[in-house]
Amino acid sequence: MPSRGERGRTVAVVGLVIVLALGATACGADGDDEGAAGGASGETGGFGDSDSGGNSDAGGAETTLDPNCDGRGWSDAGPTASVDVTMEEYTLTASPTEVAAGTVEITADNEGHLFHELVVVRWDGDPGALPQNDAGGADQMQFRQDEVGRIFDFVAGSGCTARFDLEPGTYALICNLVDDGFNPHYSQGMFARLTVT
């Protein structure tokens, strides 16, 4: 039979594991109202499409461009243009800011210290003026039909590459994570405009 001290250590270790698991879940929550859960490779939720991450071909096989990253709305077509996105706390810059229509390859580099994500939204106005939810994130329920796709949250010091089929128009590139329910990345400046001609 374990001693009283051994039982106390066991309870403490179990408690620590539970606290760490809850913390990891909270840090992965993003600002959309649909409560996506998980991290870069296991986030679920969405806007009524059948993808829970990456794209699936007719046979159901994963066809993600970057095996270390996950997303929705990705294209398997060869790129006709490319954009580099740099993300930090709390800035998001795109270069170039204008590309030709077609399959646009976006490489997002997380140079910050927190998880970030990249959401591509068809948006004609100021990319910093998307409707916001109560947490200060962009209220995706109000423009869900305009979301082209996304790269789900990925860790600091890493990058993800994905391709999106973009028609002529203007787009908002945003990070819409909300850390711990009170730290909205979008309303602190993580957005940029992309013009597609």
C-alpha atoms as a PDB file:
ATOM      1  CA  MET A   1       0.000   0.000   0.000  1.00  0.00           C
ATOM      2  CA  PRO A   2       1.473   3.414  -0.949  1.00  0.00           C
ATOM      3  CA  SER A   3       2.463   5.709   1.842  1.00  0.00           C
ATOM      4  CA  ARG A   4       0.633   8.957   2.501  1.00  0.00           C
ATOM      5  CA  GLY A   5       3.497  10.935   0.862  1.00  0.00           C
ATOM      6  CA  GLU A   6       3.407   8.767  -2.279  1.00  0.00           C
ATOM      7  CA  ARG A   7      -0.375   9.232  -2.601  1.00  0.00           C
ATOM      8  CA  GLY A   8       0.076  13.015  -2.280  1.00  0.00           C
ATOM      9  CA  ARG A   9       2.715  13.064  -5.038  1.00  0.00           C
ATOM     10  CA  THR A  10       0.471  10.988  -7.325  1.00  0.00           C
ATOM     11  CA  VAL A  11      -2.449  13.383  -6.804  1.00  0.00           C
ATOM     12  CA  ALA A  12      -0.173  16.369  -7.482  1.00  0.00           C
ATOM     13  CA  VAL A  13       1.140  14.849 -10.750  1.00  0.00           C
ATOM     14  CA  VAL A  14      -2.379  13.999 -11.976  1.00  0.00           C
ATOM     15  CA  GLY A  15      -3.519  17.541 -11.149  1.00  0.00           C
ATOM     16  CA  LEU A  16      -0.585  19.041 -13.063  1.00  0.00           C
ATOM     17  CA  VAL A  17      -1.365  16.925 -16.142  1.00  0.00           C
ATOM     18  CA  ILE A  18      -4.999  18.120 -16.084  1.00  0.00           C
ATOM     19  CA  VAL A  19      -3.962  21.778 -15.740  1.00  0.00           C
ATOM     20  CA  LEU A  20      -1.492  21.484 -18.647  1.00  0.00           C
ATOM     21  CA  ALA A  21      -4.105  19.811 -20.862  1.00  0.00           C
ATOM     22  CA  LEU A  22      -6.652  22.544 -20.134  1.00  0.00           C
ATOM     23  CA  GLY A  23      -4.071  25.263 -20.801  1.00  0.00           C
ATOM     24  CA  ALA A  24      -3.131  23.781 -24.170  1.00  0.00           C
ATOM     25  CA  THR A  25      -6.775  23.709 -25.214  1.00  0.00           C
ATOM     26  CA  ALA A  26      -7.380  27.322 -24.152  1.00  0.00           C
ATOM     27  CA  CYS A  27      -4.331  28.627 -26.023  1.00  0.00           C
ATOM     28  CA  GLY A  28      -5.528  27.019 -29.243  1.00  0.00           C
ATOM     29  CA  ALA A  29      -8.964  28.675 -29.191  1.00  0.00           C
ATOM     30  CA  ASP A  30      -9.558  31.209 -31.904  1.00  0.00           C
ATOM     31  CA  GLY A  31     -11.836  34.176 -32.312  1.00  0.00           C
ATOM     32  CA  ASP A  32     -14.562  32.592 -34.370  1.00  0.00           C
ATOM     33  CA  ASP A  33     -17.870  31.924 -32.698  1.00  0.00           C
ATOM     34  CA  GLU A  34     -17.947  28.282 -33.662  1.00  0.00           C
ATOM     35  CA  GLY A  35     -15.426  27.247 -31.028  1.00  0.00           C
ATOM     36  CA  ALA A  36     -12.797  25.466 -33.070  1.00  0.00           C
ATOM     37  CA  ALA A  37     -10.675  23.357 -30.781  1.00  0.00           C
ATOM     38  CA  GLY A  38      -7.219  21.907 -31.078  1.00  0.00           C
ATOM     39  CA  GLY A  39      -3.956  23.004 -32.543  1.00  0.00           C
ATOM     40  CA  ALA A  40      -2.340  23.168 -35.925  1.00  0.00           C
ATOM     41  CA  SER A  41      -2.984  19.547 -36.824  1.00  0.00           C
ATOM     42  CA  GLY A  42      -6.244  18.804 -35.049  1.00  0.00           C
ATOM     43  CA  GLU A  43      -8.465  21.863 -35.227  1.00  0.00           C
ATOM     44  CA  THR A  44     -12.079  21.118 -36.031  1.00  0.00           C
ATOM     45  CA  GLY A  45     -15.157  23.173 -36.563  1.00  0.00           C
ATOM     46  CA  GLY A  46     -15.850  25.244 -39.591  1.00  0.00           C
ATOM     47  CA  PHE A  47     -18.406  26.813 -41.792  1.00  0.00           C
ATOM     48  CA  GLY A  48     -20.403  23.868 -43.023  1.00  0.00           C
ATOM     49  CA  ASP A  49     -17.816  22.373 -45.343  1.00  0.00           C
ATOM     50  CA  SER A  50     -16.751  18.770 -44.993  1.00  0.00           C
ATOM     51  CA  ASP A  51     -13.073  19.464 -44.416  1.00  0.00           C
ATOM     52  CA  SER A  52     -11.805  19.231 -40.868  1.00  0.00           C
ATOM     53  CA  GLY A  53      -8.362  20.228 -42.007  1.00  0.00           C
ATOM     54  CA  GLY A  54      -6.576  20.164 -45.323  1.00  0.00           C
ATOM     55  CA  ASN A  55      -8.402  19.279 -48.524  1.00  0.00           C
ATOM     56  CA  SER A  56      -9.615  15.847 -49.456  1.00  0.00           C
ATOM     57  CA  ASP A  57      -9.817  14.581 -53.001  1.00  0.00           C
ATOM     58  CA  ALA A  58     -12.718  12.447 -54.236  1.00  0.00           C
ATOM     59  CA  GLY A  59     -11.124   9.366 -52.678  1.00  0.00           C
ATOM     60  CA  GLY A  60     -10.908  11.017 -49.271  1.00  0.00           C
ATOM     61  CA  ALA A  61      -7.092  11.124 -49.180  1.00  0.00           C
ATOM     62  CA  GLU A  62      -5.372  14.126 -47.625  1.00  0.00           C
ATOM     63  CA  THR A  63      -3.879  16.422 -50.242  1.00  0.00           C
ATOM     64  CA  THR A  64      -2.417  19.174 -48.082  1.00  0.00           C
ATOM     65  CA  LEU A  65       0.496  21.040 -49.606  1.00  0.00           C
ATOM     66  CA  ASP A  66       2.438  21.220 -46.344  1.00  0.00           C
ATOM     67  CA  PRO A  67       2.280  18.050 -44.210  1.00  0.00           C
ATOM     68  CA  ASN A  68       3.252  19.944 -41.050  1.00  0.00           C
ATOM     69  CA  CYS A  69       0.362  22.397 -41.409  1.00  0.00           C
ATOM     70  CA  ASP A  70      -3.376  22.122 -41.643  1.00  0.00           C
ATOM     71  CA  GLY A  71      -6.047  24.227 -43.239  1.00  0.00           C
ATOM     72  CA  ARG A  72      -9.204  24.573 -45.245  1.00  0.00           C
ATOM     73  CA  GLY A  73      -9.910  25.735 -48.802  1.00  0.00           C
ATOM     74  CA  TRP A  74      -6.472  24.775 -50.122  1.00  0.00           C
ATOM     75  CA  SER A  75      -5.856  24.191 -53.820  1.00  0.00           C
ATOM     76  CA  ASP A  76      -3.674  21.509 -55.380  1.00  0.00           C
ATOM     77  CA  ALA A  77      -3.182  23.460 -58.619  1.00  0.00           C
ATOM     78  CA  GLY A  78       0.203  24.839 -59.535  1.00  0.00           C
ATOM     79  CA  PRO A  79       0.714  28.419 -58.328  1.00  0.00           C
ATOM     80  CA  THR A  80       0.369  31.389 -60.673  1.00  0.00           C
ATOM     81  CA  ALA A  81       1.576  33.897 -58.043  1.00  0.00           C
ATOM     82  CA  SER A  82       3.064  33.882 -54.561  1.00  0.00           C
ATOM     83  CA  VAL A  83       2.781  36.030 -51.440  1.00  0.00           C
ATOM     84  CA  ASP A  84       4.976  36.021 -48.343  1.00  0.00           C
ATOM     85  CA  VAL A  85       3.242  36.810 -45.055  1.00  0.00           C
ATOM     86  CA  THR A  86       5.189  37.646 -41.893  1.00  0.00           C
ATOM     87  CA  MET A  87       3.407  37.386 -38.548  1.00  0.00           C
ATOM     88  CA  GLU A  88       4.495  38.690 -35.158  1.00  0.00           C
ATOM     89  CA  GLU A  89       2.789  40.062 -32.060  1.00  0.00           C
ATOM     90  CA  TYR A  90       0.776  41.945 -33.267  1.00  0.00           C
ATOM     91  CA  THR A  91       1.520  42.657 -36.907  1.00  0.00           C
ATOM     92  CA  LEU A  92       0.856  40.890 -40.172  1.00  0.00           C
ATOM     93  CA  THR A  93       2.562  42.039 -43.370  1.00  0.00           C
ATOM     94  CA  ALA A  94       2.139  40.702 -46.896  1.00  0.00           C
ATOM     95  CA  SER A  95       4.545  41.078 -49.807  1.00  0.00           C
ATOM     96  CA  PRO A  96       3.634  41.726 -52.517  1.00  0.00           C
ATOM     97  CA  THR A  97       0.242  43.250 -51.762  1.00  0.00           C
ATOM     98  CA  GLU A  98      -1.031  42.830 -55.338  1.00  0.00           C
ATOM     99  CA  VAL A  99      -0.995  39.670 -57.461  1.00  0.00           C
ATOM    100  CA  ALA A 100      -2.698  38.304 -60.566  1.00  0.00           C
ATOM    101  CA  ALA A 101      -5.805  36.144 -60.189  1.00  0.00           C
ATOM    102  CA  GLY A 102      -5.342  32.392 -60.130  1.00  0.00           C
ATOM    103  CA  THR A 103      -3.831  29.951 -57.694  1.00  0.00           C
ATOM    104  CA  VAL A 104      -1.912  32.062 -55.191  1.00  0.00           C
ATOM    105  CA  GLU A 105       0.682  30.349 -53.026  1.00  0.00           C
ATOM    106  CA  ILE A 106       0.908  31.990 -49.608  1.00  0.00           C
ATOM    107  CA  THR A 107       3.828  31.282 -47.300  1.00  0.00           C
ATOM    108  CA  ALA A 108       3.091  32.429 -43.751  1.00  0.00           C
ATOM    109  CA  ASP A 109       6.046  32.725 -41.357  1.00  0.00           C
ATOM    110  CA  ASN A 110       5.334  32.932 -37.632  1.00  0.00           C
ATOM    111  CA  GLU A 111       8.206  35.080 -36.329  1.00  0.00           C
ATOM    112  CA  GLY A 112       6.433  35.792 -33.044  1.00  0.00           C
ATOM    113  CA  HIS A 113       6.259  33.950 -29.740  1.00  0.00           C
ATOM    114  CA  LEU A 114       2.627  32.767 -29.873  1.00  0.00           C
ATOM    115  CA  PHE A 115       0.529  30.558 -32.131  1.00  0.00           C
ATOM    116  CA  HIS A 116      -0.833  32.394 -35.185  1.00  0.00           C
ATOM    117  CA  GLU A 117      -3.177  31.481 -38.030  1.00  0.00           C
ATOM    118  CA  LEU A 118      -3.916  32.940 -41.442  1.00  0.00           C
ATOM    119  CA  VAL A 119      -7.497  33.450 -42.649  1.00  0.00           C
ATOM    120  CA  VAL A 120      -8.159  34.626 -46.228  1.00  0.00           C
ATOM    121  CA  VAL A 121     -11.413  36.586 -46.520  1.00  0.00           C
ATOM    122  CA  ARG A 122     -12.925  38.231 -49.617  1.00  0.00           C
ATOM    123  CA  TRP A 123     -13.431  41.778 -48.273  1.00  0.00           C
ATOM    124  CA  ASP A 124     -13.811  45.024 -50.241  1.00  0.00           C
ATOM    125  CA  GLY A 125     -13.366  47.397 -47.308  1.00  0.00           C
ATOM    126  CA  ASP A 126     -10.568  48.219 -44.893  1.00  0.00           C
ATOM    127  CA  PRO A 127      -9.095  44.896 -43.653  1.00  0.00           C
ATOM    128  CA  GLY A 128      -9.013  46.383 -40.148  1.00  0.00           C
ATOM    129  CA  ALA A 129     -12.746  47.119 -40.215  1.00  0.00           C
ATOM    130  CA  LEU A 130     -14.211  43.606 -40.230  1.00  0.00           C
ATOM    131  CA  PRO A 131     -17.131  43.214 -37.792  1.00  0.00           C
ATOM    132  CA  GLN A 132     -15.867  42.141 -34.373  1.00  0.00           C
ATOM    133  CA  ASN A 133     -17.241  39.695 -31.830  1.00  0.00           C
ATOM    134  CA  ASP A 134     -17.410  40.275 -28.070  1.00  0.00           C
ATOM    135  CA  ALA A 135     -13.850  38.951 -27.597  1.00  0.00           C
ATOM    136  CA  GLY A 136     -12.409  41.511 -30.057  1.00  0.00           C
ATOM    137  CA  GLY A 137     -11.779  38.971 -32.796  1.00  0.00           C
ATOM    138  CA  ALA A 138     -13.250  39.311 -36.280  1.00  0.00           C
ATOM    139  CA  ASP A 139     -16.818  37.994 -36.139  1.00  0.00           C
ATOM    140  CA  GLN A 140     -16.596  35.264 -38.736  1.00  0.00           C
ATOM    141  CA  MET A 141     -20.319  34.507 -38.445  1.00  0.00           C
ATOM    142  CA  GLN A 142     -20.945  37.809 -40.253  1.00  0.00           C
ATOM    143  CA  PHE A 143     -18.727  37.024 -43.243  1.00  0.00           C
ATOM    144  CA  ARG A 144     -18.545  33.239 -43.247  1.00  0.00           C
ATOM    145  CA  GLN A 145     -19.604  33.007 -46.900  1.00  0.00           C
ATOM    146  CA  ASP A 146     -16.647  35.238 -47.826  1.00  0.00           C
ATOM    147  CA  GLU A 147     -13.935  33.132 -46.196  1.00  0.00           C
ATOM    148  CA  VAL A 148     -11.841  31.597 -48.973  1.00  0.00           C
ATOM    149  CA  GLY A 149      -9.728  29.421 -46.699  1.00  0.00           C
ATOM    150  CA  ARG A 150      -7.232  29.360 -43.884  1.00  0.00           C
ATOM    151  CA  ILE A 151      -4.051  27.970 -42.442  1.00  0.00           C
ATOM    152  CA  PHE A 152      -4.950  26.749 -38.960  1.00  0.00           C
ATOM    153  CA  ASP A 153      -2.887  27.915 -35.995  1.00  0.00           C
ATOM    154  CA  PHE A 154       0.799  27.014 -36.117  1.00  0.00           C
ATOM    155  CA  VAL A 155       3.633  27.395 -33.649  1.00  0.00           C
ATOM    156  CA  ALA A 156       6.097  30.236 -33.193  1.00  0.00           C
ATOM    157  CA  GLY A 157       9.255  29.948 -35.236  1.00  0.00           C
ATOM    158  CA  SER A 158       7.606  27.911 -37.996  1.00  0.00           C
ATOM    159  CA  GLY A 159       6.060  28.557 -41.377  1.00  0.00           C
ATOM    160  CA  CYS A 160       3.240  27.122 -43.465  1.00  0.00           C
ATOM    161  CA  THR A 161       2.651  27.218 -47.202  1.00  0.00           C
ATOM    162  CA  ALA A 162      -0.743  26.800 -48.837  1.00  0.00           C
ATOM    163  CA  ARG A 163      -2.381  27.606 -52.174  1.00  0.00           C
ATOM    164  CA  PHE A 164      -5.727  29.340 -52.595  1.00  0.00           C
ATOM    165  CA  ASP A 165      -7.762  29.946 -55.768  1.00  0.00           C
ATOM    166  CA  LEU A 166      -8.350  33.708 -55.758  1.00  0.00           C
ATOM    167  CA  GLU A 167     -10.594  35.599 -58.169  1.00  0.00           C
ATOM    168  CA  PRO A 168     -10.079  39.304 -58.928  1.00  0.00           C
ATOM    169  CA  GLY A 169     -11.001  41.491 -55.970  1.00  0.00           C
ATOM    170  CA  THR A 170      -9.662  42.543 -52.594  1.00  0.00           C
ATOM    171  CA  TYR A 171      -9.008  40.256 -49.658  1.00  0.00           C
ATOM    172  CA  ALA A 172      -8.263  40.606 -45.963  1.00  0.00           C
ATOM    173  CA  LEU A 173      -5.482  38.403 -44.613  1.00  0.00           C
ATOM    174  CA  ILE A 174      -5.986  38.097 -40.852  1.00  0.00           C
ATOM    175  CA  CYS A 175      -4.934  36.229 -37.748  1.00  0.00           C
ATOM    176  CA  ASN A 176      -8.116  35.693 -35.771  1.00  0.00           C
ATOM    177  CA  LEU A 177      -6.856  33.840 -32.710  1.00  0.00           C
ATOM    178  CA  VAL A 178      -7.952  35.027 -29.275  1.00  0.00           C
ATOM    179  CA  ASP A 179      -5.556  33.794 -26.592  1.00  0.00           C
ATOM    180  CA  ASP A 180      -7.207  32.694 -23.359  1.00  0.00           C
ATOM    181  CA  GLY A 181     -10.451  34.347 -24.435  1.00  0.00           C
ATOM    182  CA  PHE A 182      -9.197  37.906 -23.881  1.00  0.00           C
ATOM    183  CA  ASN A 183      -6.203  38.579 -26.164  1.00  0.00           C
ATOM    184  CA  PRO A 184      -7.533  39.152 -29.719  1.00  0.00           C
ATOM    185  CA  HIS A 185      -4.801  39.178 -32.362  1.00  0.00           C
ATOM    186  CA  TYR A 186      -6.982  40.728 -35.085  1.00  0.00           C
ATOM    187  CA  SER A 187      -8.031  43.880 -33.239  1.00  0.00           C
ATOM    188  CA  GLN A 188      -4.421  44.466 -32.160  1.00  0.00           C
ATOM    189  CA  GLY A 189      -3.312  44.826 -35.770  1.00  0.00           C
ATOM    190  CA  MET A 190      -2.895  41.382 -37.331  1.00  0.00           C
ATOM    191  CA  PHE A 191      -4.396  42.089 -40.742  1.00  0.00           C
ATOM    192  CA  ALA A 192      -3.324  43.123 -44.246  1.00  0.00           C
ATOM    193  CA  ARG A 193      -4.960  43.798 -47.594  1.00  0.00           C
ATOM    194  CA  LEU A 194      -4.270  41.688 -50.674  1.00  0.00           C
ATOM    195  CA  THR A 195      -5.458  42.961 -54.066  1.00  0.00           C
ATOM    196  CA  VAL A 196      -5.994  40.369 -56.798  1.00  0.00           C
ATOM    197  CA  THR A 197      -6.188  41.696 -60.374  1.00  0.00           C
END
